[in-house]
Amino acid sequence: MAGEPFQSPDVGLVFYSAYPTEVVGRQATPDGLCHRVPADARWLLTWSGGFGSVPGYRTADCSGPAAELNNVHSWSTGFYLTYRAS
């Protein structure tokens, strides 16, 4: 998957690198579980799959304060370590 170019439209929740813009991760449907943010991810888009909220965490176990990644345009590489998608 890494190195896959940006495509529009795409499917699911898709994480992208910054420069060049490449797919670095994907989730098909929300499951509410704690997942690692792909290491090179700098932003995401929810293309399909019924995603409502995607809070990102700066911890390895989805604990502590969260920021809604669906509303964040981009972040520094490694800033968010985990996320939950519901």
C-alpha atoms as a PDB file:
ATOM      1  CA  MET A   1       0.000   0.000   0.000  1.00  0.00           C
ATOM      2  CA  ALA A   2       2.779   2.473   0.809  1.00  0.00           C
ATOM      3  CA  GLY A   3       3.710   4.369  -2.285  1.00  0.00           C
ATOM      4  CA  GLU A   4       0.201   4.095  -3.755  1.00  0.00           C
ATOM      5  CA  PRO A   5      -0.633   7.470  -5.316  1.00  0.00           C
ATOM      6  CA  PHE A   6      -3.545   9.672  -4.287  1.00  0.00           C
ATOM      7  CA  GLN A   7      -6.707   8.765  -6.166  1.00  0.00           C
ATOM      8  CA  SER A   8     -10.119  10.378  -6.225  1.00  0.00           C
ATOM      9  CA  PRO A   9     -12.464   8.869  -5.376  1.00  0.00           C
ATOM     10  CA  ASP A  10     -10.992   6.336  -2.965  1.00  0.00           C
ATOM     11  CA  VAL A  11     -12.547   3.917  -0.459  1.00  0.00           C
ATOM     12  CA  GLY A  12     -12.701   3.926   3.355  1.00  0.00           C
ATOM     13  CA  LEU A  13     -10.630   6.011   5.732  1.00  0.00           C
ATOM     14  CA  VAL A  14      -7.356   6.817   3.967  1.00  0.00           C
ATOM     15  CA  PHE A  15      -4.165   8.192   5.550  1.00  0.00           C
ATOM     16  CA  TYR A  16      -1.754  10.156   3.358  1.00  0.00           C
ATOM     17  CA  SER A  17       1.849  11.334   3.523  1.00  0.00           C
ATOM     18  CA  ALA A  18       2.618  14.972   2.747  1.00  0.00           C
ATOM     19  CA  TYR A  19       5.206  15.230  -0.032  1.00  0.00           C
ATOM     20  CA  PRO A  20       4.772  13.370  -2.226  1.00  0.00           C
ATOM     21  CA  THR A  21       1.129  12.656  -1.429  1.00  0.00           C
ATOM     22  CA  GLU A  22       0.892   8.883  -1.163  1.00  0.00           C
ATOM     23  CA  VAL A  23      -1.429   6.456   0.616  1.00  0.00           C
ATOM     24  CA  VAL A  24       0.251   5.232   3.808  1.00  0.00           C
ATOM     25  CA  GLY A  25      -2.718   3.510   5.458  1.00  0.00           C
ATOM     26  CA  ARG A  26      -6.343   2.568   5.007  1.00  0.00           C
ATOM     27  CA  GLN A  27      -9.273   1.296   7.083  1.00  0.00           C
ATOM     28  CA  ALA A  28     -12.390  -0.022   5.308  1.00  0.00           C
ATOM     29  CA  THR A  29     -15.025   0.479   8.019  1.00  0.00           C
ATOM     30  CA  PRO A  30     -15.177   1.924  11.541  1.00  0.00           C
ATOM     31  CA  ASP A  31     -14.718  -0.557  14.384  1.00  0.00           C
ATOM     32  CA  GLY A  32     -14.120   1.587  17.497  1.00  0.00           C
ATOM     33  CA  LEU A  33     -10.816  -0.176  18.257  1.00  0.00           C
ATOM     34  CA  CYS A  34      -7.516   1.545  19.002  1.00  0.00           C
ATOM     35  CA  HIS A  35      -5.259   1.541  15.914  1.00  0.00           C
ATOM     36  CA  ARG A  36      -1.767   2.912  15.260  1.00  0.00           C
ATOM     37  CA  VAL A  37      -1.585   5.939  13.012  1.00  0.00           C
ATOM     38  CA  PRO A  38       0.693   5.044  10.092  1.00  0.00           C
ATOM     39  CA  ALA A  39       4.173   6.420  10.811  1.00  0.00           C
ATOM     40  CA  ASP A  40       4.315   8.648   7.707  1.00  0.00           C
ATOM     41  CA  ALA A  41       0.703   9.899   7.938  1.00  0.00           C
ATOM     42  CA  ARG A  42       0.234  13.656   7.768  1.00  0.00           C
ATOM     43  CA  TRP A  43      -3.491  13.885   6.975  1.00  0.00           C
ATOM     44  CA  LEU A  44      -6.555  11.745   6.193  1.00  0.00           C
ATOM     45  CA  LEU A  45      -9.813  11.714   4.283  1.00  0.00           C
ATOM     46  CA  THR A  46     -12.932   9.651   4.906  1.00  0.00           C
ATOM     47  CA  TRP A  47     -14.146   8.599   1.478  1.00  0.00           C
ATOM     48  CA  SER A  48     -16.717   5.939   2.403  1.00  0.00           C
ATOM     49  CA  GLY A  49     -17.594   3.340   5.021  1.00  0.00           C
ATOM     50  CA  GLY A  50     -19.779   5.332   7.418  1.00  0.00           C
ATOM     51  CA  PHE A  51     -17.030   6.971   9.488  1.00  0.00           C
ATOM     52  CA  GLY A  52     -18.359   9.593  11.887  1.00  0.00           C
ATOM     53  CA  SER A  53     -15.638  10.444  14.356  1.00  0.00           C
ATOM     54  CA  VAL A  54     -11.896   9.751  14.143  1.00  0.00           C
ATOM     55  CA  PRO A  55     -10.205  11.009  17.326  1.00  0.00           C
ATOM     56  CA  GLY A  56      -6.401  10.955  17.317  1.00  0.00           C
ATOM     57  CA  TYR A  57      -4.251  10.445  20.416  1.00  0.00           C
ATOM     58  CA  ARG A  58      -0.648  11.276  21.239  1.00  0.00           C
ATOM     59  CA  THR A  59      -0.341   8.069  23.295  1.00  0.00           C
ATOM     60  CA  ALA A  60       0.253   4.469  22.227  1.00  0.00           C
ATOM     61  CA  ASP A  61      -2.997   3.207  23.835  1.00  0.00           C
ATOM     62  CA  CYS A  62      -5.684   5.749  22.809  1.00  0.00           C
ATOM     63  CA  SER A  63      -5.700   7.295  26.279  1.00  0.00           C
ATOM     64  CA  GLY A  64      -5.691  10.923  27.331  1.00  0.00           C
ATOM     65  CA  PRO A  65      -6.904  13.946  25.388  1.00  0.00           C
ATOM     66  CA  ALA A  66      -7.947  13.447  21.771  1.00  0.00           C
ATOM     67  CA  ALA A  67      -8.295  15.686  18.734  1.00  0.00           C
ATOM     68  CA  GLU A  68     -10.803  15.044  15.963  1.00  0.00           C
ATOM     69  CA  LEU A  69      -8.640  14.124  12.967  1.00  0.00           C
ATOM     70  CA  ASN A  70     -11.545  14.572  10.545  1.00  0.00           C
ATOM     71  CA  ASN A  71     -11.324  18.307  11.316  1.00  0.00           C
ATOM     72  CA  VAL A  72      -7.529  18.624  11.277  1.00  0.00           C
ATOM     73  CA  HIS A  73      -6.084  19.526   7.898  1.00  0.00           C
ATOM     74  CA  SER A  74      -2.630  18.115   8.654  1.00  0.00           C
ATOM     75  CA  TRP A  75      -0.235  17.338  11.486  1.00  0.00           C
ATOM     76  CA  SER A  76       3.476  16.778  11.952  1.00  0.00           C
ATOM     77  CA  THR A  77       4.748  13.269  11.250  1.00  0.00           C
ATOM     78  CA  GLY A  78       4.542  11.238  14.461  1.00  0.00           C
ATOM     79  CA  PHE A  79       2.365  13.790  16.304  1.00  0.00           C
ATOM     80  CA  TYR A  80      -0.569  11.367  16.599  1.00  0.00           C
ATOM     81  CA  LEU A  81       0.327   7.796  17.529  1.00  0.00           C
ATOM     82  CA  THR A  82      -3.114   6.147  17.667  1.00  0.00           C
ATOM     83  CA  TYR A  83      -6.736   6.685  16.634  1.00  0.00           C
ATOM     84  CA  ARG A  84     -10.215   5.202  17.008  1.00  0.00           C
ATOM     85  CA  ALA A  85     -12.720   5.247  14.169  1.00  0.00           C
ATOM     86  CA  SER A  86     -16.435   5.107  14.835  1.00  0.00           C
END
